[in-house]
Amino acid sequence: MTIRIRRATAHDCPLINQMAWQVFPHTYRNILTREQTEYMMDWMYSVESLTKQLASGHTYYIAYYDDQPAGYVSIEQHEKDLFHLQKIYVLPQFQGIGLGRKLFRTATNHITQHHPTACTLELNVNRKNPAVGFYEQMGMHKDRQGDFPIGHGYYMNDYIMAMQL
């Protein structure tokens, strides 16, 4: 069994969209309403939105397990010394085999290669998402929390987790 991670291009937007439809509703099935999930999928994961994200500075990596697309991660620089881990998801059938750790390390390696001085990595995670424990295992801590309006009366009820790189 081989794991391969490569940087995504605009040509990968349909693939990322397809994976998102497999993992995002599954991840949030007990946290968000179906309507909010569909709204967020269109907002963040339509091919058009993904294409705009890549064009505006998001960096995506795609993980493959035995040549099958298995997950993805997205990083964005917000300020000179502040990066945001926008998205990190592993498809349900590939969870528990270390892909999340590899994607996380790919993101932090990308940041330190492109920004060799000290900086901060942050991410938003739903306060009810069990992934909070994963991020703590990866060295992040809960820095603050908030309820962030995203439109149509929906909110992201998140912790903002952080770590120094």
Protein backbone atom coordinates (compact mmCIF):
# COMPACT_ATOMS: atom_id res chain seq x y z
CA MET A 1 0.00 0.00 0.00
CA THR A 2 1.48 3.32 -1.06
CA ILE A 3 0.60 6.85 -0.04
CA ARG A 4 1.39 9.69 -2.40
CA ILE A 5 0.67 13.40 -1.90
CA ARG A 6 0.93 15.94 -4.68
CA ARG A 7 0.19 19.61 -5.13
CA ALA A 8 -3.13 20.28 -6.83
CA THR A 9 -3.70 22.48 -9.87
CA ALA A 10 -6.84 24.11 -11.25
CA HIS A 11 -7.41 20.91 -13.25
CA ASP A 12 -8.00 19.11 -9.93
CA CYS A 13 -10.98 21.25 -8.87
CA PRO A 14 -13.57 18.69 -10.10
CA LEU A 15 -11.73 15.94 -8.18
CA ILE A 16 -11.60 18.03 -4.98
CA ASN A 17 -15.31 18.80 -5.42
CA GLN A 18 -16.06 15.09 -5.82
CA MET A 19 -14.08 14.16 -2.70
CA ALA A 20 -15.71 16.98 -0.74
CA TRP A 21 -19.16 15.60 -1.55
CA GLN A 22 -18.03 12.28 -0.07
CA VAL A 23 -16.39 13.58 3.11
CA PHE A 24 -17.96 16.91 4.10
CA PRO A 25 -21.59 15.74 4.51
CA HIS A 26 -20.33 12.59 6.26
CA THR A 27 -18.18 14.61 8.68
CA TYR A 28 -20.96 17.03 9.61
CA ARG A 29 -23.99 14.70 9.41
CA ASN A 30 -24.59 14.93 13.18
CA ILE A 31 -23.48 18.56 13.56
CA LEU A 32 -25.06 20.62 10.76
CA THR A 33 -28.47 20.55 9.10
CA ARG A 34 -28.67 19.19 5.57
CA GLU A 35 -29.54 22.70 4.37
CA GLN A 36 -26.47 24.26 5.98
CA THR A 37 -24.25 21.48 4.65
CA GLU A 38 -25.56 22.05 1.11
CA TYR A 39 -25.09 25.81 1.45
CA MET A 40 -21.51 25.36 2.67
CA MET A 41 -20.74 22.85 -0.07
CA ASP A 42 -21.80 25.35 -2.72
CA TRP A 43 -19.99 28.21 -0.94
CA MET A 44 -16.68 26.40 -0.41
CA TYR A 45 -16.60 23.43 -2.77
CA SER A 46 -18.23 24.27 -6.06
CA VAL A 47 -15.74 23.91 -8.90
CA GLU A 48 -16.04 27.67 -9.46
CA SER A 49 -15.26 28.41 -5.80
CA LEU A 50 -12.31 26.01 -5.76
CA THR A 51 -10.93 27.56 -8.95
CA LYS A 52 -11.17 31.04 -7.39
CA GLN A 53 -9.47 29.79 -4.22
CA LEU A 54 -6.51 28.43 -6.17
CA ALA A 55 -6.26 31.62 -8.22
CA SER A 56 -6.28 33.78 -5.07
CA GLY A 57 -3.46 32.00 -3.26
CA HIS A 58 -4.83 28.85 -1.64
CA THR A 59 -2.51 25.89 -1.99
CA TYR A 60 -4.11 22.45 -2.18
CA TYR A 61 -2.51 19.04 -1.86
CA ILE A 62 -4.25 15.77 -2.70
CA ALA A 63 -3.45 12.47 -0.99
CA TYR A 64 -3.67 9.17 -2.83
CA TYR A 65 -3.77 5.73 -1.28
CA ASP A 66 -2.81 3.08 -3.81
CA ASP A 67 -3.54 5.60 -6.57
CA GLN A 68 -7.07 6.27 -5.25
CA PRO A 69 -7.85 9.87 -4.27
CA ALA A 70 -8.18 9.73 -0.49
CA GLY A 71 -8.07 13.27 0.94
CA TYR A 72 -6.93 16.85 0.61
CA VAL A 73 -5.55 19.81 2.50
CA SER A 74 -5.63 23.56 1.76
CA ILE A 75 -3.39 26.29 3.16
CA GLU A 76 -3.63 30.06 2.75
CA GLN A 77 -1.36 32.84 3.91
CA HIS A 78 -3.41 35.52 5.69
CA GLU A 79 -0.73 37.92 6.89
CA LYS A 80 3.05 38.12 6.77
CA ASP A 81 3.47 35.64 9.64
CA LEU A 82 0.00 34.05 9.75
CA PHE A 83 -1.16 31.03 7.78
CA HIS A 84 -4.54 29.34 7.87
CA LEU A 85 -5.18 25.66 7.38
CA GLN A 86 -8.42 26.09 5.45
CA LYS A 87 -9.38 22.49 4.83
CA ILE A 88 -8.09 19.06 5.72
CA TYR A 89 -10.25 16.03 5.06
CA VAL A 90 -9.71 12.31 4.58
CA LEU A 91 -12.43 10.26 2.91
CA PRO A 92 -14.22 8.00 5.39
CA GLN A 93 -12.91 4.73 3.92
CA PHE A 94 -9.31 5.95 4.31
CA GLN A 95 -9.54 7.33 7.84
CA GLY A 96 -7.44 5.75 10.57
CA ILE A 97 -4.42 4.88 8.43
CA GLY A 98 -2.35 8.02 8.99
CA LEU A 99 -3.37 10.08 5.97
CA GLY A 100 -4.58 13.00 8.11
CA ARG A 101 -1.20 13.17 9.82
CA LYS A 102 0.59 13.07 6.47
CA LEU A 103 -1.62 15.82 5.04
CA PHE A 104 -1.10 17.94 8.16
CA ARG A 105 2.68 17.49 7.90
CA THR A 106 2.55 18.31 4.20
CA ALA A 107 0.82 21.59 5.06
CA THR A 108 3.30 22.53 7.80
CA ASN A 109 6.25 21.55 5.58
CA HIS A 110 4.87 23.70 2.76
CA ILE A 111 4.61 26.67 5.11
CA THR A 112 8.11 26.30 6.59
CA GLN A 113 9.65 25.85 3.14
CA HIS A 114 8.02 29.04 1.84
CA HIS A 115 8.30 31.00 5.10
CA PRO A 116 11.48 29.97 6.91
CA THR A 117 11.04 32.43 9.80
CA ALA A 118 8.71 31.93 12.76
CA CYS A 119 5.02 32.12 12.01
CA THR A 120 1.63 31.00 13.27
CA LEU A 121 -0.66 28.37 11.79
CA GLU A 122 -4.34 28.65 12.65
CA LEU A 123 -7.44 26.72 11.71
CA ASN A 124 -11.14 26.84 12.42
CA VAL A 125 -12.80 23.63 13.59
CA ASN A 126 -16.40 23.14 14.62
CA ARG A 127 -16.57 22.89 18.40
CA LYS A 128 -18.52 19.61 18.13
CA ASN A 129 -16.15 18.03 15.61
CA PRO A 130 -14.16 15.10 17.07
CA ALA A 131 -11.22 16.30 14.93
CA VAL A 132 -10.43 18.78 17.73
CA GLY A 133 -8.57 15.91 19.43
CA PHE A 134 -6.62 15.16 16.24
CA TYR A 135 -5.42 18.75 16.01
CA GLU A 136 -4.39 18.73 19.66
CA GLN A 137 -2.37 15.55 18.98
CA MET A 138 -0.70 17.38 16.11
CA GLY A 139 0.46 20.10 18.50
CA MET A 140 -2.26 22.72 18.12
CA HIS A 141 -4.12 24.33 21.00
CA LYS A 142 -7.50 26.04 21.36
CA ASP A 143 -6.64 29.72 21.08
CA ARG A 144 -10.14 31.21 21.03
CA GLN A 145 -13.66 30.50 19.82
CA GLY A 146 -16.43 32.27 18.01
CA ASP A 147 -19.67 32.06 16.11
CA PHE A 148 -18.96 33.33 12.61
CA PRO A 149 -21.81 34.30 10.25
CA ILE A 150 -21.43 32.76 6.80
CA GLY A 151 -24.66 33.95 5.18
CA HIS A 152 -28.29 32.84 4.93
CA GLY A 153 -28.54 32.93 8.74
CA TYR A 154 -25.92 30.20 9.16
CA TYR A 155 -22.96 30.31 11.52
CA MET A 156 -19.75 28.41 11.93
CA ASN A 157 -19.48 27.64 15.66
CA ASP A 158 -15.74 27.12 15.82
CA TYR A 159 -12.66 26.92 17.91
CA ILE A 160 -9.73 28.70 16.36
CA MET A 161 -6.77 26.48 17.05
CA ALA A 162 -3.17 27.62 16.67
CA MET A 163 0.44 26.52 16.74
CA GLN A 164 3.79 28.18 16.20
CA LEU A 165 5.95 27.01 13.32
